[in-house]
């Protein structure tokens, strides 16, 4: 029988092994935190690139498919007598900033700093003619943008720029929102369809112009997030109860609630969707960012009924050649509608 020799481990080896294990534990705990902080910082300040927006939204849509009937949720049905948001706007004094601030502080519980910023923007847009009518000015002044800007962009609530809201989507520049809304020339009681609910800011703006607002969002988690926000705000802002919300593909509009006097599209496309043209009422107006990816022009499209029963369309570039950039109009698989269709008529 042979004697077995037991291996000996030196004290130095034990010490080095213990140090290595401790260092590995520390790195395992610290590195993920540092990585998460870096990712969060980059995500907070990264500009929206069209290609990335398409990929991100496509992933969301692929994981959360829209039902075949393009309807997954209809929320907040109007009470028998909808709140008169336009009437409230008309009763608000706007002759001077002091009168308006006094009224807002008596009727709302909003931060005075935001009120000052909102008033200043409104005066700028009156001068630039991006807010054209008194009704548009009043609706703008009643809409608290600070509630619709997401947490990642606190401090930029009234910055004159677009901001990320997640899922590859953005909240549009306030001046562009003002210009597109003013172009629609909305009258109280008119039925308005919005394609691309996004943050909910545009819908809230519309609810102070008419009590018939319909809005569609295709990205499921974004629609759910904004639905919760509008529902929560509606107690203090009852006009938001007049906003009919739906999860679905906006390319096909909202057939069972058509026709619409006005339609606003808040995502870019290179043609006018034929279903939306069909759902636009005679003598109605549609506003949308029209053009190829990367550069669009905000177009006003007027639909006029002819004596022979046909319809004609008249277009106008509302910014007179100034290009804009919007996120792309996507289908339920995340594919852009630009390049996939041709313009339809009546």
C-alpha atoms as a PDB file:
ATOM      1  CA  UNK A   1       0.000   0.000   0.000  1.00  0.00           C
ATOM      2  CA  UNK A   2       1.337   3.323  -0.981  1.00  0.00           C
ATOM      3  CA  UNK A   3       1.307   6.296   1.386  1.00  0.00           C
ATOM      4  CA  UNK A   4      -0.975   9.165   0.129  1.00  0.00           C
ATOM      5  CA  UNK A   5       0.542  12.622   0.228  1.00  0.00           C
ATOM      6  CA  UNK A   6      -2.005  15.310   1.187  1.00  0.00           C
ATOM      7  CA  UNK A   7      -1.618  18.603  -0.729  1.00  0.00           C
ATOM      8  CA  UNK A   8      -0.673  21.566   1.405  1.00  0.00           C
ATOM      9  CA  UNK A   9      -2.125  25.073   0.830  1.00  0.00           C
ATOM     10  CA  UNK A  10       0.037  27.937   1.904  1.00  0.00           C
ATOM     11  CA  UNK A  11      -1.287  30.819   3.999  1.00  0.00           C
ATOM     12  CA  UNK A  12      -0.410  33.222   1.177  1.00  0.00           C
ATOM     13  CA  UNK A  13      -2.634  31.301  -1.262  1.00  0.00           C
ATOM     14  CA  UNK A  14      -5.541  31.426   1.164  1.00  0.00           C
ATOM     15  CA  UNK A  15      -5.146  35.189   1.561  1.00  0.00           C
ATOM     16  CA  UNK A  16      -5.012  35.800  -2.204  1.00  0.00           C
ATOM     17  CA  UNK A  17      -8.059  33.574  -2.741  1.00  0.00           C
ATOM     18  CA  UNK A  18     -10.048  35.450  -0.110  1.00  0.00           C
ATOM     19  CA  UNK A  19      -9.091  38.807  -1.638  1.00  0.00           C
ATOM     20  CA  UNK A  20     -10.103  37.584  -5.089  1.00  0.00           C
ATOM     21  CA  UNK A  21     -13.483  36.373  -3.889  1.00  0.00           C
ATOM     22  CA  UNK A  22     -14.165  39.651  -2.071  1.00  0.00           C
ATOM     23  CA  UNK A  23     -13.151  41.711  -5.101  1.00  0.00           C
ATOM     24  CA  UNK A  24     -15.410  39.641  -7.347  1.00  0.00           C
ATOM     25  CA  UNK A  25     -18.344  40.155  -4.999  1.00  0.00           C
ATOM     26  CA  UNK A  26     -17.798  43.911  -4.900  1.00  0.00           C
ATOM     27  CA  UNK A  27     -17.560  44.175  -8.702  1.00  0.00           C
ATOM     28  CA  UNK A  28     -20.669  42.065  -9.139  1.00  0.00           C
ATOM     29  CA  UNK A  29     -22.598  44.457  -6.917  1.00  0.00           C
ATOM     30  CA  UNK A  30     -21.190  47.762  -8.208  1.00  0.00           C
ATOM     31  CA  UNK A  31     -20.833  47.332 -11.977  1.00  0.00           C
ATOM     32  CA  UNK A  32     -24.565  46.761 -12.720  1.00  0.00           C
ATOM     33  CA  UNK A  33     -25.411  49.903 -10.745  1.00  0.00           C
ATOM     34  CA  UNK A  34     -22.854  51.954 -12.653  1.00  0.00           C
ATOM     35  CA  UNK A  35     -24.156  50.560 -15.942  1.00  0.00           C
ATOM     36  CA  UNK A  36     -27.748  51.368 -15.060  1.00  0.00           C
ATOM     37  CA  UNK A  37     -26.802  54.915 -14.119  1.00  0.00           C
ATOM     38  CA  UNK A  38     -24.982  55.373 -17.402  1.00  0.00           C
ATOM     39  CA  UNK A  39     -27.898  53.965 -19.394  1.00  0.00           C
ATOM     40  CA  UNK A  40     -30.339  56.234 -17.586  1.00  0.00           C
ATOM     41  CA  UNK A  41     -28.197  59.309 -18.195  1.00  0.00           C
ATOM     42  CA  UNK A  42     -27.818  58.569 -21.892  1.00  0.00           C
ATOM     43  CA  UNK A  43     -31.527  57.824 -22.291  1.00  0.00           C
ATOM     44  CA  UNK A  44     -32.428  61.126 -20.668  1.00  0.00           C
ATOM     45  CA  UNK A  45     -30.479  63.303 -23.087  1.00  0.00           C
ATOM     46  CA  UNK A  46     -30.285  61.265 -26.274  1.00  0.00           C
ATOM     47  CA  UNK A  47     -31.948  62.857 -29.294  1.00  0.00           C
ATOM     48  CA  UNK A  48     -34.670  60.894 -31.015  1.00  0.00           C
ATOM     49  CA  UNK A  49     -33.309  59.357 -34.196  1.00  0.00           C
ATOM     50  CA  UNK A  50     -35.947  58.213 -36.656  1.00  0.00           C
ATOM     51  CA  UNK A  51     -34.341  54.811 -37.190  1.00  0.00           C
ATOM     52  CA  UNK A  52     -34.111  54.130 -33.468  1.00  0.00           C
ATOM     53  CA  UNK A  53     -37.684  55.282 -32.930  1.00  0.00           C
ATOM     54  CA  UNK A  54     -38.894  52.839 -35.573  1.00  0.00           C
ATOM     55  CA  UNK A  55     -36.947  49.960 -34.030  1.00  0.00           C
ATOM     56  CA  UNK A  56     -38.079  50.715 -30.486  1.00  0.00           C
ATOM     57  CA  UNK A  57     -41.726  51.119 -31.415  1.00  0.00           C
ATOM     58  CA  UNK A  58     -41.551  48.011 -33.612  1.00  0.00           C
ATOM     59  CA  UNK A  59     -40.304  45.966 -30.664  1.00  0.00           C
ATOM     60  CA  UNK A  60     -43.119  47.235 -28.447  1.00  0.00           C
ATOM     61  CA  UNK A  61     -45.715  46.534 -31.099  1.00  0.00           C
ATOM     62  CA  UNK A  62     -44.309  43.109 -31.896  1.00  0.00           C
ATOM     63  CA  UNK A  63     -44.517  42.105 -28.242  1.00  0.00           C
ATOM     64  CA  UNK A  64     -47.937  43.689 -27.735  1.00  0.00           C
ATOM     65  CA  UNK A  65     -49.920  43.007 -30.922  1.00  0.00           C
ATOM     66  CA  UNK A  66     -53.056  44.993 -31.667  1.00  0.00           C
ATOM     67  CA  UNK A  67     -56.213  42.839 -31.935  1.00  0.00           C
ATOM     68  CA  UNK A  68     -57.410  42.205 -35.455  1.00  0.00           C
ATOM     69  CA  UNK A  69     -60.323  44.598 -35.059  1.00  0.00           C
ATOM     70  CA  UNK A  70     -57.839  47.341 -34.051  1.00  0.00           C
ATOM     71  CA  UNK A  71     -59.787  48.035 -30.868  1.00  0.00           C
ATOM     72  CA  UNK A  72     -58.450  47.028 -27.473  1.00  0.00           C
ATOM     73  CA  UNK A  73     -59.798  49.679 -25.158  1.00  0.00           C
ATOM     74  CA  UNK A  74     -62.379  52.441 -25.238  1.00  0.00           C
ATOM     75  CA  UNK A  75     -62.375  54.441 -22.030  1.00  0.00           C
ATOM     76  CA  UNK A  76     -64.090  57.346 -20.328  1.00  0.00           C
ATOM     77  CA  UNK A  77     -67.453  57.407 -22.063  1.00  0.00           C
ATOM     78  CA  UNK A  78     -69.091  60.809 -21.912  1.00  0.00           C
ATOM     79  CA  UNK A  79     -71.728  61.449 -19.269  1.00  0.00           C
ATOM     80  CA  UNK A  80     -75.167  62.430 -20.543  1.00  0.00           C
ATOM     81  CA  UNK A  81     -74.137  66.075 -20.440  1.00  0.00           C
ATOM     82  CA  UNK A  82     -70.437  66.504 -21.282  1.00  0.00           C
ATOM     83  CA  UNK A  83     -68.458  69.237 -19.548  1.00  0.00           C
ATOM     84  CA  UNK A  84     -68.283  72.460 -21.556  1.00  0.00           C
ATOM     85  CA  UNK A  85     -64.534  73.012 -21.862  1.00  0.00           C
ATOM     86  CA  UNK A  86     -64.977  75.659 -24.546  1.00  0.00           C
ATOM     87  CA  UNK A  87     -67.453  77.492 -22.327  1.00  0.00           C
ATOM     88  CA  UNK A  88     -64.972  77.511 -19.444  1.00  0.00           C
ATOM     89  CA  UNK A  89     -62.266  78.848 -21.759  1.00  0.00           C
ATOM     90  CA  UNK A  90     -64.577  81.626 -22.966  1.00  0.00           C
ATOM     91  CA  UNK A  91     -65.282  82.707 -19.366  1.00  0.00           C
ATOM     92  CA  UNK A  92     -61.608  83.080 -18.464  1.00  0.00           C
ATOM     93  CA  UNK A  93     -60.269  86.676 -18.429  1.00  0.00           C
ATOM     94  CA  UNK A  94     -57.177  87.160 -20.601  1.00  0.00           C
ATOM     95  CA  UNK A  95     -57.098  90.957 -21.009  1.00  0.00           C
ATOM     96  CA  UNK A  96     -53.988  91.204 -18.828  1.00  0.00           C
ATOM     97  CA  UNK A  97     -51.576  88.730 -17.282  1.00  0.00           C
ATOM     98  CA  UNK A  98     -52.578  89.909 -13.797  1.00  0.00           C
ATOM     99  CA  UNK A  99     -56.280  89.198 -14.381  1.00  0.00           C
ATOM    100  CA  UNK A 100     -55.520  85.805 -15.893  1.00  0.00           C
ATOM    101  CA  UNK A 101     -53.125  84.800 -13.101  1.00  0.00           C
ATOM    102  CA  UNK A 102     -55.673  85.847 -10.484  1.00  0.00           C
ATOM    103  CA  UNK A 103     -58.392  83.766 -12.167  1.00  0.00           C
ATOM    104  CA  UNK A 104     -56.115  80.735 -12.547  1.00  0.00           C
ATOM    105  CA  UNK A 105     -54.984  80.885  -8.932  1.00  0.00           C
ATOM    106  CA  UNK A 106     -58.628  81.039  -7.830  1.00  0.00           C
ATOM    107  CA  UNK A 107     -59.828  78.217 -10.093  1.00  0.00           C
ATOM    108  CA  UNK A 108     -56.776  75.956 -10.453  1.00  0.00           C
ATOM    109  CA  UNK A 109     -54.032  74.650  -8.182  1.00  0.00           C
ATOM    110  CA  UNK A 110     -51.157  74.969 -10.639  1.00  0.00           C
ATOM    111  CA  UNK A 111     -47.617  76.122  -9.903  1.00  0.00           C
ATOM    112  CA  UNK A 112     -47.353  79.920 -10.426  1.00  0.00           C
ATOM    113  CA  UNK A 113     -43.956  79.441 -12.082  1.00  0.00           C
ATOM    114  CA  UNK A 114     -45.550  77.294 -14.788  1.00  0.00           C
ATOM    115  CA  UNK A 115     -48.373  79.800 -15.193  1.00  0.00           C
ATOM    116  CA  UNK A 116     -45.847  82.562 -15.862  1.00  0.00           C
ATOM    117  CA  UNK A 117     -44.058  80.397 -18.435  1.00  0.00           C
ATOM    118  CA  UNK A 118     -47.310  79.424 -20.135  1.00  0.00           C
ATOM    119  CA  UNK A 119     -48.424  83.048 -20.418  1.00  0.00           C
ATOM    120  CA  UNK A 120     -45.047  84.040 -21.900  1.00  0.00           C
ATOM    121  CA  UNK A 121     -45.227  81.295 -24.546  1.00  0.00           C
ATOM    122  CA  UNK A 122     -48.776  82.280 -25.459  1.00  0.00           C
ATOM    123  CA  UNK A 123     -47.687  85.882 -26.062  1.00  0.00           C
ATOM    124  CA  UNK A 124     -44.837  84.665 -28.290  1.00  0.00           C
ATOM    125  CA  UNK A 125     -47.206  82.522 -30.341  1.00  0.00           C
ATOM    126  CA  UNK A 126     -49.711  85.343 -30.712  1.00  0.00           C
ATOM    127  CA  UNK A 127     -46.932  87.488 -32.200  1.00  0.00           C
ATOM    128  CA  UNK A 128     -45.738  84.671 -34.479  1.00  0.00           C
ATOM    129  CA  UNK A 129     -49.374  83.984 -35.493  1.00  0.00           C
ATOM    130  CA  UNK A 130     -49.079  80.361 -34.408  1.00  0.00           C
ATOM    131  CA  UNK A 131     -52.049  81.028 -32.136  1.00  0.00           C
ATOM    132  CA  UNK A 132     -54.516  82.649 -34.509  1.00  0.00           C
ATOM    133  CA  UNK A 133     -57.844  83.064 -32.719  1.00  0.00           C
ATOM    134  CA  UNK A 134     -58.847  84.102 -29.232  1.00  0.00           C
ATOM    135  CA  UNK A 135     -60.352  80.658 -28.673  1.00  0.00           C
ATOM    136  CA  UNK A 136     -56.994  79.046 -29.494  1.00  0.00           C
ATOM    137  CA  UNK A 137     -55.199  81.380 -27.085  1.00  0.00           C
ATOM    138  CA  UNK A 138     -57.664  80.554 -24.314  1.00  0.00           C
ATOM    139  CA  UNK A 139     -57.347  76.802 -24.901  1.00  0.00           C
ATOM    140  CA  UNK A 140     -53.548  77.039 -24.860  1.00  0.00           C
ATOM    141  CA  UNK A 141     -53.622  78.997 -21.585  1.00  0.00           C
ATOM    142  CA  UNK A 142     -55.922  76.395 -19.999  1.00  0.00           C
ATOM    143  CA  UNK A 143     -53.691  73.404 -20.872  1.00  0.00           C
ATOM    144  CA  UNK A 144     -51.066  72.493 -18.212  1.00  0.00           C
ATOM    145  CA  UNK A 145     -48.197  71.129 -20.298  1.00  0.00           C
ATOM    146  CA  UNK A 146     -46.268  70.368 -17.101  1.00  0.00           C
ATOM    147  CA  UNK A 147     -48.497  67.369 -16.409  1.00  0.00           C
ATOM    148  CA  UNK A 148     -47.840  65.796 -19.821  1.00  0.00           C
ATOM    149  CA  UNK A 149     -44.057  66.151 -19.913  1.00  0.00           C
ATOM    150  CA  UNK A 150     -42.586  62.966 -18.468  1.00  0.00           C
ATOM    151  CA  UNK A 151     -40.324  62.880 -15.408  1.00  0.00           C
ATOM    152  CA  UNK A 152     -37.126  62.476 -17.431  1.00  0.00           C
ATOM    153  CA  UNK A 153     -37.550  66.027 -18.766  1.00  0.00           C
ATOM    154  CA  UNK A 154     -38.455  67.950 -15.633  1.00  0.00           C
ATOM    155  CA  UNK A 155     -37.207  71.511 -15.972  1.00  0.00           C
ATOM    156  CA  UNK A 156     -38.145  71.641 -19.668  1.00  0.00           C
ATOM    157  CA  UNK A 157     -41.919  71.754 -19.283  1.00  0.00           C
ATOM    158  CA  UNK A 158     -42.274  74.972 -21.293  1.00  0.00           C
ATOM    159  CA  UNK A 159     -39.130  74.754 -23.386  1.00  0.00           C
ATOM    160  CA  UNK A 160     -39.958  75.499 -27.015  1.00  0.00           C
ATOM    161  CA  UNK A 161     -38.892  72.071 -28.227  1.00  0.00           C
ATOM    162  CA  UNK A 162     -40.035  68.473 -28.503  1.00  0.00           C
ATOM    163  CA  UNK A 163     -39.219  66.068 -25.674  1.00  0.00           C
ATOM    164  CA  UNK A 164     -39.016  62.298 -25.332  1.00  0.00           C
ATOM    165  CA  UNK A 165     -41.897  60.511 -23.616  1.00  0.00           C
ATOM    166  CA  UNK A 166     -40.610  56.956 -24.066  1.00  0.00           C
ATOM    167  CA  UNK A 167     -41.424  54.109 -26.489  1.00  0.00           C
ATOM    168  CA  UNK A 168     -39.816  56.025 -29.379  1.00  0.00           C
ATOM    169  CA  UNK A 169     -42.428  58.791 -29.097  1.00  0.00           C
ATOM    170  CA  UNK A 170     -42.228  62.505 -28.290  1.00  0.00           C
ATOM    171  CA  UNK A 171     -44.352  65.367 -27.027  1.00  0.00           C
ATOM    172  CA  UNK A 172     -44.410  67.856 -29.917  1.00  0.00           C
ATOM    173  CA  UNK A 173     -42.960  71.373 -29.656  1.00  0.00           C
ATOM    174  CA  UNK A 174     -45.592  73.645 -28.077  1.00  0.00           C
ATOM    175  CA  UNK A 175     -45.405  76.119 -30.973  1.00  0.00           C
ATOM    176  CA  UNK A 176     -46.089  73.367 -33.517  1.00  0.00           C
ATOM    177  CA  UNK A 177     -49.005  72.108 -31.401  1.00  0.00           C
ATOM    178  CA  UNK A 178     -50.345  75.672 -31.351  1.00  0.00           C
ATOM    179  CA  UNK A 179     -49.927  76.113 -35.117  1.00  0.00           C
ATOM    180  CA  UNK A 180     -51.502  72.787 -36.072  1.00  0.00           C
ATOM    181  CA  UNK A 181     -54.429  73.311 -33.699  1.00  0.00           C
ATOM    182  CA  UNK A 182     -55.044  76.883 -34.873  1.00  0.00           C
ATOM    183  CA  UNK A 183     -55.003  75.728 -38.502  1.00  0.00           C
ATOM    184  CA  UNK A 184     -57.955  73.433 -37.790  1.00  0.00           C
ATOM    185  CA  UNK A 185     -60.194  76.393 -36.840  1.00  0.00           C
ATOM    186  CA  UNK A 186     -62.148  74.228 -34.394  1.00  0.00           C
ATOM    187  CA  UNK A 187     -65.610  75.386 -33.391  1.00  0.00           C
ATOM    188  CA  UNK A 188     -67.456  74.287 -30.203  1.00  0.00           C
ATOM    189  CA  UNK A 189     -69.353  71.039 -30.758  1.00  0.00           C
ATOM    190  CA  UNK A 190     -67.296  69.934 -33.767  1.00  0.00           C
ATOM    191  CA  UNK A 191     -66.096  66.347 -33.846  1.00  0.00           C
ATOM    192  CA  UNK A 192     -62.289  66.162 -33.909  1.00  0.00           C
ATOM    193  CA  UNK A 193     -60.135  63.071 -34.471  1.00  0.00           C
ATOM    194  CA  UNK A 194     -56.499  62.945 -33.336  1.00  0.00           C
ATOM    195  CA  UNK A 195     -54.148  60.277 -34.688  1.00  0.00           C
ATOM    196  CA  UNK A 196     -51.359  59.630 -32.185  1.00  0.00           C
ATOM    197  CA  UNK A 197     -52.446  60.333 -28.599  1.00  0.00           C
ATOM    198  CA  UNK A 198     -48.856  60.273 -27.348  1.00  0.00           C
ATOM    199  CA  UNK A 199     -48.472  62.217 -24.114  1.00  0.00           C
ATOM    200  CA  UNK A 200     -52.092  63.404 -24.109  1.00  0.00           C
ATOM    201  CA  UNK A 201     -51.150  67.091 -24.338  1.00  0.00           C
ATOM    202  CA  UNK A 202     -52.725  67.651 -27.757  1.00  0.00           C
ATOM    203  CA  UNK A 203     -55.956  65.955 -26.665  1.00  0.00           C
ATOM    204  CA  UNK A 204     -56.114  68.108 -23.548  1.00  0.00           C
ATOM    205  CA  UNK A 205     -55.649  71.240 -25.681  1.00  0.00           C
ATOM    206  CA  UNK A 206     -58.477  70.146 -27.990  1.00  0.00           C
ATOM    207  CA  UNK A 207     -60.833  69.511 -25.062  1.00  0.00           C
ATOM    208  CA  UNK A 208     -60.936  73.264 -24.340  1.00  0.00           C
ATOM    209  CA  UNK A 209     -62.149  73.904 -27.900  1.00  0.00           C
ATOM    210  CA  UNK A 210     -64.837  71.222 -28.308  1.00  0.00           C
ATOM    211  CA  UNK A 211     -66.516  68.512 -26.250  1.00  0.00           C
ATOM    212  CA  UNK A 212     -66.158  65.953 -29.050  1.00  0.00           C
ATOM    213  CA  UNK A 213     -62.534  64.751 -29.043  1.00  0.00           C
ATOM    214  CA  UNK A 214     -61.523  61.302 -30.316  1.00  0.00           C
ATOM    215  CA  UNK A 215     -57.940  60.079 -30.117  1.00  0.00           C
ATOM    216  CA  UNK A 216     -56.117  56.878 -31.143  1.00  0.00           C
ATOM    217  CA  UNK A 217     -52.727  55.540 -29.995  1.00  0.00           C
ATOM    218  CA  UNK A 218     -51.083  52.412 -31.427  1.00  0.00           C
ATOM    219  CA  UNK A 219     -48.352  51.766 -28.811  1.00  0.00           C
ATOM    220  CA  UNK A 220     -50.011  49.782 -26.055  1.00  0.00           C
ATOM    221  CA  UNK A 221     -47.880  50.760 -23.019  1.00  0.00           C
ATOM    222  CA  UNK A 222     -47.911  54.437 -24.034  1.00  0.00           C
ATOM    223  CA  UNK A 223     -51.691  54.369 -24.476  1.00  0.00           C
ATOM    224  CA  UNK A 224     -52.094  52.750 -21.047  1.00  0.00           C
ATOM    225  CA  UNK A 225     -49.780  55.297 -19.421  1.00  0.00           C
ATOM    226  CA  UNK A 226     -51.591  58.274 -20.941  1.00  0.00           C
ATOM    227  CA  UNK A 227     -54.990  56.743 -20.232  1.00  0.00           C
ATOM    228  CA  UNK A 228     -54.091  56.556 -16.551  1.00  0.00           C
ATOM    229  CA  UNK A 229     -52.826  60.149 -16.610  1.00  0.00           C
ATOM    230  CA  UNK A 230     -55.941  61.590 -18.270  1.00  0.00           C
ATOM    231  CA  UNK A 231     -58.218  59.613 -15.967  1.00  0.00           C
ATOM    232  CA  UNK A 232     -56.355  60.892 -12.915  1.00  0.00           C
ATOM    233  CA  UNK A 233     -56.392  64.506 -14.144  1.00  0.00           C
ATOM    234  CA  UNK A 234     -60.062  64.470 -15.124  1.00  0.00           C
ATOM    235  CA  UNK A 235     -61.219  65.094 -11.560  1.00  0.00           C
ATOM    236  CA  UNK A 236     -59.514  68.502 -11.558  1.00  0.00           C
ATOM    237  CA  UNK A 237     -59.937  68.991 -15.322  1.00  0.00           C
ATOM    238  CA  UNK A 238     -63.428  67.647 -16.155  1.00  0.00           C
ATOM    239  CA  UNK A 239     -63.093  68.569 -19.844  1.00  0.00           C
ATOM    240  CA  UNK A 240     -60.749  65.569 -20.155  1.00  0.00           C
ATOM    241  CA  UNK A 241     -63.783  63.336 -19.653  1.00  0.00           C
ATOM    242  CA  UNK A 242     -64.838  64.499 -23.134  1.00  0.00           C
ATOM    243  CA  UNK A 243     -61.817  62.781 -24.688  1.00  0.00           C
ATOM    244  CA  UNK A 244     -62.729  59.391 -26.188  1.00  0.00           C
ATOM    245  CA  UNK A 245     -59.606  57.207 -26.179  1.00  0.00           C
ATOM    246  CA  UNK A 246     -58.800  54.097 -28.165  1.00  0.00           C
ATOM    247  CA  UNK A 247     -55.886  51.722 -28.648  1.00  0.00           C
ATOM    248  CA  UNK A 248     -55.558  50.911 -32.338  1.00  0.00           C
ATOM    249  CA  UNK A 249     -54.072  51.660 -35.742  1.00  0.00           C
ATOM    250  CA  UNK A 250     -54.848  55.291 -36.573  1.00  0.00           C
ATOM    251  CA  UNK A 251     -54.292  54.771 -40.301  1.00  0.00           C
ATOM    252  CA  UNK A 252     -57.834  53.368 -40.478  1.00  0.00           C
ATOM    253  CA  UNK A 253     -59.333  56.113 -38.341  1.00  0.00           C
ATOM    254  CA  UNK A 254     -62.427  55.608 -36.185  1.00  0.00           C
ATOM    255  CA  UNK A 255     -65.073  54.471 -38.647  1.00  0.00           C
ATOM    256  CA  UNK A 256     -67.972  53.999 -36.249  1.00  0.00           C
ATOM    257  CA  UNK A 257     -67.641  57.586 -34.937  1.00  0.00           C
ATOM    258  CA  UNK A 258     -67.113  59.268 -38.315  1.00  0.00           C
ATOM    259  CA  UNK A 259     -67.528  61.680 -39.973  1.00  0.00           C
ATOM    260  CA  UNK A 260     -65.167  64.161 -38.321  1.00  0.00           C
ATOM    261  CA  UNK A 261     -65.191  67.889 -38.926  1.00  0.00           C
ATOM    262  CA  UNK A 262     -61.469  68.088 -38.210  1.00  0.00           C
ATOM    263  CA  UNK A 263     -58.623  65.548 -38.171  1.00  0.00           C
ATOM    264  CA  UNK A 264     -55.118  66.101 -36.809  1.00  0.00           C
ATOM    265  CA  UNK A 265     -52.294  63.608 -37.441  1.00  0.00           C
ATOM    266  CA  UNK A 266     -49.278  63.846 -35.124  1.00  0.00           C
ATOM    267  CA  UNK A 267     -46.929  61.401 -36.866  1.00  0.00           C
ATOM    268  CA  UNK A 268     -45.270  61.702 -40.279  1.00  0.00           C
ATOM    269  CA  UNK A 269     -46.301  59.983 -43.495  1.00  0.00           C
ATOM    270  CA  UNK A 270     -45.609  60.476 -47.210  1.00  0.00           C
ATOM    271  CA  UNK A 271     -49.248  60.269 -48.307  1.00  0.00           C
ATOM    272  CA  UNK A 272     -52.697  61.093 -46.986  1.00  0.00           C
ATOM    273  CA  UNK A 273     -54.314  57.921 -45.600  1.00  0.00           C
ATOM    274  CA  UNK A 274     -57.409  57.182 -47.742  1.00  0.00           C
ATOM    275  CA  UNK A 275     -59.504  56.006 -44.746  1.00  0.00           C
ATOM    276  CA  UNK A 276     -58.937  59.346 -43.022  1.00  0.00           C
ATOM    277  CA  UNK A 277     -59.972  61.243 -46.143  1.00  0.00           C
ATOM    278  CA  UNK A 278     -63.176  59.220 -46.298  1.00  0.00           C
ATOM    279  CA  UNK A 279     -63.914  59.951 -42.639  1.00  0.00           C
ATOM    280  CA  UNK A 280     -63.300  63.694 -43.040  1.00  0.00           C
ATOM    281  CA  UNK A 281     -66.641  65.463 -43.355  1.00  0.00           C
ATOM    282  CA  UNK A 282     -67.437  67.666 -46.379  1.00  0.00           C
ATOM    283  CA  UNK A 283     -65.813  71.079 -45.894  1.00  0.00           C
ATOM    284  CA  UNK A 284     -63.659  69.538 -43.173  1.00  0.00           C
ATOM    285  CA  UNK A 285     -59.968  70.211 -42.497  1.00  0.00           C
ATOM    286  CA  UNK A 286     -57.120  67.775 -41.894  1.00  0.00           C
ATOM    287  CA  UNK A 287     -53.654  68.824 -40.667  1.00  0.00           C
ATOM    288  CA  UNK A 288     -50.718  66.433 -40.870  1.00  0.00           C
ATOM    289  CA  UNK A 289     -46.914  66.319 -41.271  1.00  0.00           C
ATOM    290  CA  UNK A 290     -46.532  65.171 -44.875  1.00  0.00           C
ATOM    291  CA  UNK A 291     -43.301  64.145 -46.582  1.00  0.00           C
ATOM    292  CA  UNK A 292     -40.492  61.566 -46.722  1.00  0.00           C
ATOM    293  CA  UNK A 293     -38.682  60.299 -43.604  1.00  0.00           C
ATOM    294  CA  UNK A 294     -36.438  62.923 -42.035  1.00  0.00           C
ATOM    295  CA  UNK A 295     -38.207  66.008 -43.362  1.00  0.00           C
ATOM    296  CA  UNK A 296     -41.874  66.806 -43.534  1.00  0.00           C
ATOM    297  CA  UNK A 297     -44.063  69.846 -44.099  1.00  0.00           C
ATOM    298  CA  UNK A 298     -47.169  70.563 -42.055  1.00  0.00           C
ATOM    299  CA  UNK A 299     -49.994  70.548 -44.563  1.00  0.00           C
ATOM    300  CA  UNK A 300     -53.549  71.788 -44.281  1.00  0.00           C
ATOM    301  CA  UNK A 301     -55.901  69.692 -46.417  1.00  0.00           C
ATOM    302  CA  UNK A 302     -59.407  71.028 -47.058  1.00  0.00           C
ATOM    303  CA  UNK A 303     -62.084  68.728 -48.427  1.00  0.00           C
ATOM    304  CA  UNK A 304     -64.765  70.491 -50.456  1.00  0.00           C
ATOM    305  CA  UNK A 305     -68.016  68.986 -51.724  1.00  0.00           C
ATOM    306  CA  UNK A 306     -68.672  69.618 -55.421  1.00  0.00           C
ATOM    307  CA  UNK A 307     -72.118  70.088 -57.004  1.00  0.00           C
ATOM    308  CA  UNK A 308     -71.832  66.766 -58.847  1.00  0.00           C
ATOM    309  CA  UNK A 309     -71.391  64.801 -55.617  1.00  0.00           C
ATOM    310  CA  UNK A 310     -67.605  64.458 -55.875  1.00  0.00           C
ATOM    311  CA  UNK A 311     -65.039  66.014 -53.587  1.00  0.00           C
ATOM    312  CA  UNK A 312     -61.974  68.120 -54.234  1.00  0.00           C
ATOM    313  CA  UNK A 313     -58.913  68.664 -52.048  1.00  0.00           C
ATOM    314  CA  UNK A 314     -56.941  71.861 -51.535  1.00  0.00           C
ATOM    315  CA  UNK A 315     -53.566  71.795 -49.808  1.00  0.00           C
ATOM    316  CA  UNK A 316     -51.558  74.495 -48.080  1.00  0.00           C
ATOM    317  CA  UNK A 317     -48.145  74.385 -46.427  1.00  0.00           C
ATOM    318  CA  UNK A 318     -48.883  76.152 -43.142  1.00  0.00           C
ATOM    319  CA  UNK A 319     -45.232  77.047 -42.451  1.00  0.00           C
ATOM    320  CA  UNK A 320     -44.540  78.162 -46.039  1.00  0.00           C
ATOM    321  CA  UNK A 321     -41.660  75.799 -46.755  1.00  0.00           C
ATOM    322  CA  UNK A 322     -40.262  75.355 -43.261  1.00  0.00           C
ATOM    323  CA  UNK A 323     -39.511  71.665 -42.741  1.00  0.00           C
ATOM    324  CA  UNK A 324     -40.266  69.777 -39.539  1.00  0.00           C
ATOM    325  CA  UNK A 325     -39.471  66.312 -38.176  1.00  0.00           C
ATOM    326  CA  UNK A 326     -42.049  64.015 -36.620  1.00  0.00           C
ATOM    327  CA  UNK A 327     -41.802  60.393 -35.563  1.00  0.00           C
ATOM    328  CA  UNK A 328     -43.020  58.023 -38.309  1.00  0.00           C
ATOM    329  CA  UNK A 329     -46.590  56.793 -38.773  1.00  0.00           C
ATOM    330  CA  UNK A 330     -46.299  53.068 -37.970  1.00  0.00           C
ATOM    331  CA  UNK A 331     -48.556  50.098 -38.562  1.00  0.00           C
ATOM    332  CA  UNK A 332     -49.263  47.438 -35.932  1.00  0.00           C
ATOM    333  CA  UNK A 333     -46.065  45.529 -36.785  1.00  0.00           C
ATOM    334  CA  UNK A 334     -43.875  48.621 -36.348  1.00  0.00           C
ATOM    335  CA  UNK A 335     -43.373  49.203 -40.076  1.00  0.00           C
ATOM    336  CA  UNK A 336     -43.617  52.758 -41.381  1.00  0.00           C
ATOM    337  CA  UNK A 337     -46.573  53.528 -43.645  1.00  0.00           C
ATOM    338  CA  UNK A 338     -44.392  55.846 -45.725  1.00  0.00           C
ATOM    339  CA  UNK A 339     -43.528  54.164 -49.006  1.00  0.00           C
ATOM    340  CA  UNK A 340     -46.266  51.572 -48.498  1.00  0.00           C
ATOM    341  CA  UNK A 341     -49.237  53.334 -49.980  1.00  0.00           C
ATOM    342  CA  UNK A 342     -50.438  55.895 -52.447  1.00  0.00           C
ATOM    343  CA  UNK A 343     -52.583  58.877 -51.817  1.00  0.00           C
ATOM    344  CA  UNK A 344     -56.270  58.218 -52.094  1.00  0.00           C
ATOM    345  CA  UNK A 345     -59.136  60.476 -52.961  1.00  0.00           C
ATOM    346  CA  UNK A 346     -62.887  60.492 -52.815  1.00  0.00           C
END
